[in-house]
N, C-alpha and C. Protein backbone atom coordinates (compact mmCIF):
# COMPACT_ATOMS: atom_id res chain seq x y z
N MET A 1 0.86 -1.20 -0.16
CA MET A 1 -0.01 -0.04 -0.08
C MET A 1 0.86 1.25 -0.02
N TYR A 2 0.65 2.04 -0.81
CA TYR A 2 1.16 3.24 -1.22
C TYR A 2 0.49 4.41 -0.41
N THR A 3 1.11 5.34 0.57
CA THR A 3 0.34 6.29 1.09
C THR A 3 1.13 7.77 0.50
N VAL A 4 0.09 8.86 0.35
CA VAL A 4 0.72 10.13 -0.16
C VAL A 4 -0.46 11.18 0.40
N ASN A 5 0.13 12.45 0.60
CA ASN A 5 -0.64 13.46 0.98
C ASN A 5 -1.41 14.20 -0.22
N ILE A 6 -2.42 15.11 -0.06
CA ILE A 6 -3.44 15.74 -0.95
C ILE A 6 -2.50 16.34 -1.98
N TYR A 7 -1.37 17.23 -1.67
CA TYR A 7 -0.93 17.82 -2.65
C TYR A 7 -0.11 16.79 -3.76
N GLU A 8 0.62 15.87 -3.02
CA GLU A 8 1.20 14.84 -4.01
C GLU A 8 0.40 14.02 -4.81
N ALA A 9 -0.89 13.81 -4.31
CA ALA A 9 -1.89 13.10 -5.09
C ALA A 9 -2.40 13.93 -6.40
N LYS A 10 -2.44 15.31 -6.07
CA LYS A 10 -2.92 16.07 -7.14
C LYS A 10 -1.63 16.36 -8.01
N THR A 11 -0.43 16.33 -7.50
CA THR A 11 0.67 16.55 -8.68
C THR A 11 0.84 15.39 -9.34
N HIS A 12 0.96 14.19 -8.72
CA HIS A 12 1.30 12.87 -9.35
C HIS A 12 0.29 12.06 -9.83
N LEU A 13 -0.78 12.49 -9.83
CA LEU A 13 -2.36 11.75 -10.26
C LEU A 13 -2.09 10.60 -11.31
N SER A 14 -1.44 11.02 -12.41
CA SER A 14 -1.19 10.27 -13.44
C SER A 14 -0.43 8.85 -12.92
N SER A 15 0.79 9.03 -12.20
CA SER A 15 1.49 7.74 -11.97
C SER A 15 0.88 7.35 -10.86
N LEU A 16 0.04 7.86 -9.97
CA LEU A 16 -0.46 7.15 -8.91
C LEU A 16 -1.66 6.15 -9.43
N LEU A 17 -2.16 6.66 -10.69
CA LEU A 17 -3.19 5.78 -11.26
C LEU A 17 -2.68 4.71 -12.10
N GLU A 18 -1.42 5.00 -12.41
CA GLU A 18 -0.61 3.62 -12.94
C GLU A 18 -0.31 2.48 -11.97
N LYS A 19 0.21 3.04 -10.54
CA LYS A 19 0.30 2.14 -9.59
C LYS A 19 -1.26 1.20 -9.32
N VAL A 20 -2.03 1.97 -9.30
CA VAL A 20 -3.32 1.46 -8.99
C VAL A 20 -3.81 0.49 -10.37
N ALA A 21 -3.56 0.80 -11.31
CA ALA A 21 -3.79 0.08 -12.56
C ALA A 21 -2.98 -1.53 -12.59
N HIS A 22 -1.86 -1.39 -11.84
CA HIS A 22 -1.19 -2.52 -11.63
C HIS A 22 -1.29 -3.22 -10.28
N GLY A 23 -2.48 -2.91 -9.73
CA GLY A 23 -3.02 -3.72 -8.70
C GLY A 23 -2.47 -3.25 -7.02
N GLU A 24 -1.84 -1.85 -7.05
CA GLU A 24 -1.38 -1.46 -5.90
C GLU A 24 -2.72 -0.50 -5.45
N GLU A 25 -2.79 -0.52 -3.90
CA GLU A 25 -3.73 0.37 -3.47
C GLU A 25 -2.88 1.81 -3.12
N VAL A 26 -3.53 2.89 -3.21
CA VAL A 26 -3.14 4.06 -2.81
C VAL A 26 -3.99 4.92 -1.75
N VAL A 27 -3.26 5.25 -0.80
CA VAL A 27 -4.08 6.11 0.13
C VAL A 27 -3.59 7.39 0.21
N ILE A 28 -4.83 8.20 0.36
CA ILE A 28 -4.67 9.66 0.22
C ILE A 28 -4.81 10.14 1.63
N GLY A 29 -3.93 10.91 2.33
CA GLY A 29 -4.18 11.54 3.52
C GLY A 29 -4.09 13.08 3.73
N LYS A 30 -4.59 13.41 4.76
CA LYS A 30 -4.60 14.80 5.05
C LYS A 30 -4.03 15.00 6.43
N ALA A 31 -3.12 15.79 6.70
CA ALA A 31 -2.59 16.07 8.13
C ALA A 31 -2.51 14.51 8.79
N GLY A 32 -1.81 13.69 7.86
CA GLY A 32 -1.31 12.53 8.41
C GLY A 32 -2.38 11.48 8.70
N LYS A 33 -3.64 11.77 8.49
CA LYS A 33 -4.91 10.92 8.62
C LYS A 33 -5.19 10.35 7.14
N PRO A 34 -5.36 9.24 7.03
CA PRO A 34 -6.11 8.76 5.78
C PRO A 34 -7.60 9.20 5.49
N ILE A 35 -7.78 9.62 4.20
CA ILE A 35 -9.32 10.11 4.04
C ILE A 35 -9.81 9.24 2.82
N ALA A 36 -8.97 8.81 1.93
CA ALA A 36 -9.33 8.11 0.65
C ALA A 36 -8.46 7.19 0.32
N LYS A 37 -9.08 6.30 -0.65
CA LYS A 37 -8.18 4.90 -1.08
C LYS A 37 -8.57 4.80 -2.45
N LEU A 38 -7.62 4.86 -3.12
CA LEU A 38 -7.69 4.35 -4.83
C LEU A 38 -7.17 3.00 -4.90
N ILE A 39 -8.41 2.09 -5.51
CA ILE A 39 -8.24 0.82 -5.47
C ILE A 39 -8.48 0.44 -7.14
N PRO A 40 -8.01 -0.67 -7.76
CA PRO A 40 -8.20 -0.94 -8.92
C PRO A 40 -9.66 -1.17 -9.18
N PHE A 41 -10.34 -0.68 -10.40
CA PHE A 41 -11.63 -0.88 -10.62
C PHE A 41 -12.03 -2.15 -11.02
N LYS A 42 -12.95 -2.94 -10.58
CA LYS A 42 -13.17 -4.53 -10.89
C LYS A 42 -14.55 -4.48 -11.66
N LYS A 43 -14.53 -4.63 -12.82
CA LYS A 43 -15.76 -4.85 -13.55
C LYS A 43 -16.63 -6.12 -13.33
N THR A 44 -17.82 -5.87 -12.62
CA THR A 44 -18.72 -6.99 -12.28
C THR A 44 -18.99 -7.83 -13.63
N THR A 45 -18.82 -9.21 -13.37
CA THR A 45 -18.87 -9.95 -14.53
C THR A 45 -20.43 -10.63 -14.47
N LYS A 46 -20.96 -10.70 -13.28
CA LYS A 46 -22.37 -11.30 -13.04
C LYS A 46 -23.32 -10.65 -13.45
N THR A 47 -23.96 -11.48 -14.59
CA THR A 47 -25.12 -10.85 -15.22
C THR A 47 -26.39 -10.86 -14.34
N ARG A 48 -27.39 -10.13 -14.68
CA ARG A 48 -28.62 -9.96 -13.89
C ARG A 48 -29.62 -11.10 -14.85
N LYS A 49 -30.38 -11.77 -13.79
CA LYS A 49 -31.16 -12.79 -14.03
C LYS A 49 -32.61 -12.24 -14.13
N PRO A 50 -33.22 -12.09 -15.15
CA PRO A 50 -34.79 -11.52 -15.34
C PRO A 50 -35.60 -12.53 -14.34
N GLY A 51 -36.36 -11.93 -13.64
CA GLY A 51 -37.47 -12.92 -12.69
C GLY A 51 -36.83 -13.53 -11.67
N TYR A 52 -35.84 -12.95 -11.08
CA TYR A 52 -35.34 -13.41 -9.89
C TYR A 52 -36.02 -13.16 -8.84
N TRP A 53 -36.87 -12.27 -8.69
CA TRP A 53 -37.73 -11.80 -7.59
C TRP A 53 -39.06 -12.45 -7.65
N LYS A 54 -39.55 -13.01 -8.78
CA LYS A 54 -40.75 -13.64 -9.20
C LYS A 54 -41.13 -14.59 -8.01
N GLY A 55 -42.48 -14.55 -7.24
CA GLY A 55 -42.85 -15.25 -6.34
C GLY A 55 -42.46 -14.71 -4.88
N LYS A 56 -41.37 -13.89 -4.67
CA LYS A 56 -40.79 -13.54 -3.62
C LYS A 56 -41.45 -12.31 -3.35
N VAL A 57 -41.94 -11.32 -4.17
CA VAL A 57 -42.66 -10.22 -3.64
C VAL A 57 -43.96 -10.27 -3.78
N ILE A 58 -45.01 -9.90 -2.79
CA ILE A 58 -46.45 -9.81 -3.20
C ILE A 58 -46.83 -8.32 -2.95
N ILE A 59 -47.38 -7.77 -3.90
CA ILE A 59 -48.06 -6.33 -3.94
C ILE A 59 -49.47 -6.60 -3.95
N HIS A 60 -50.18 -6.04 -2.79
CA HIS A 60 -51.46 -6.20 -2.75
C HIS A 60 -52.16 -5.14 -3.50
N GLU A 61 -53.37 -5.53 -3.86
CA GLU A 61 -54.19 -4.50 -4.74
C GLU A 61 -54.22 -3.31 -4.19
N ASP A 62 -54.42 -3.07 -2.98
CA ASP A 62 -54.83 -1.83 -2.22
C ASP A 62 -53.55 -1.32 -1.46
N PHE A 63 -52.34 -1.36 -2.19
CA PHE A 63 -51.03 -1.02 -1.69
C PHE A 63 -51.04 0.58 -1.75
N ASP A 64 -51.57 1.23 -2.69
CA ASP A 64 -51.51 2.63 -2.85
C ASP A 64 -53.05 3.04 -2.30
N THR A 65 -53.61 2.57 -1.42
CA THR A 65 -54.88 3.18 -1.09
C THR A 65 -54.38 4.01 0.48
N LEU A 66 -55.02 5.31 0.35
CA LEU A 66 -54.73 5.82 1.54
C LEU A 66 -55.86 6.26 2.33
N PRO A 67 -55.82 6.38 3.65
CA PRO A 67 -56.97 6.75 4.46
C PRO A 67 -57.48 8.14 4.05
N PRO A 68 -58.73 8.50 4.18
CA PRO A 68 -59.01 9.65 3.51
C PRO A 68 -58.50 11.11 4.20
N GLU A 69 -58.18 11.03 5.37
CA GLU A 69 -57.47 12.19 6.02
C GLU A 69 -56.07 12.42 5.65
N VAL A 70 -55.43 11.39 5.26
CA VAL A 70 -54.07 11.40 4.63
C VAL A 70 -54.28 11.96 3.10
N LEU A 71 -55.14 11.31 2.34
CA LEU A 71 -55.37 11.81 1.10
C LEU A 71 -55.65 13.55 1.01
N ALA A 72 -56.49 13.80 1.78
CA ALA A 72 -56.73 15.29 2.13
C ALA A 72 -55.83 16.03 2.36
N ALA A 73 -54.80 15.48 3.15
CA ALA A 73 -53.61 16.21 3.57
C ALA A 73 -52.80 16.33 2.30
N PHE A 74 -52.63 15.45 1.37
CA PHE A 74 -51.83 15.37 0.45
C PHE A 74 -52.19 16.39 -0.79
N LYS A 75 -53.61 16.59 -0.81
CA LYS A 75 -54.31 17.45 -1.61
C LYS A 75 -54.43 19.02 -1.11
N GLY A 76 -53.99 19.22 0.06
CA GLY A 76 -54.03 20.29 0.82
C GLY A 76 -55.21 20.83 1.27
N GLU A 77 -56.08 19.90 1.51
CA GLU A 77 -57.35 20.11 2.15
C GLU A 77 -57.39 19.91 3.82
N HIS A 78 -57.44 20.78 4.50
CA HIS A 78 -57.16 20.68 5.84
C HIS A 78 -58.40 20.84 6.46
N GLU A 79 -58.70 20.08 7.73
CA GLU A 79 -59.98 20.39 8.33
C GLU A 79 -59.95 21.68 9.18
């Protein structure tokens, strides 16, 4: 792991990104305390499967039915 301060990170960003591209992690610190970490980007190779939640989620017919007083409040109708 390679540690740099903010000024060095701004000045040498290209070379730091080269290190990251080769698998190294770079920690950026401020006043000696770590505040960020540059790590290699990993593209997810897992594909989504359509219908995964089928049969696992139930939406009732009245899911969007509101009590009259709540509906009136949304419409700006106050009693």
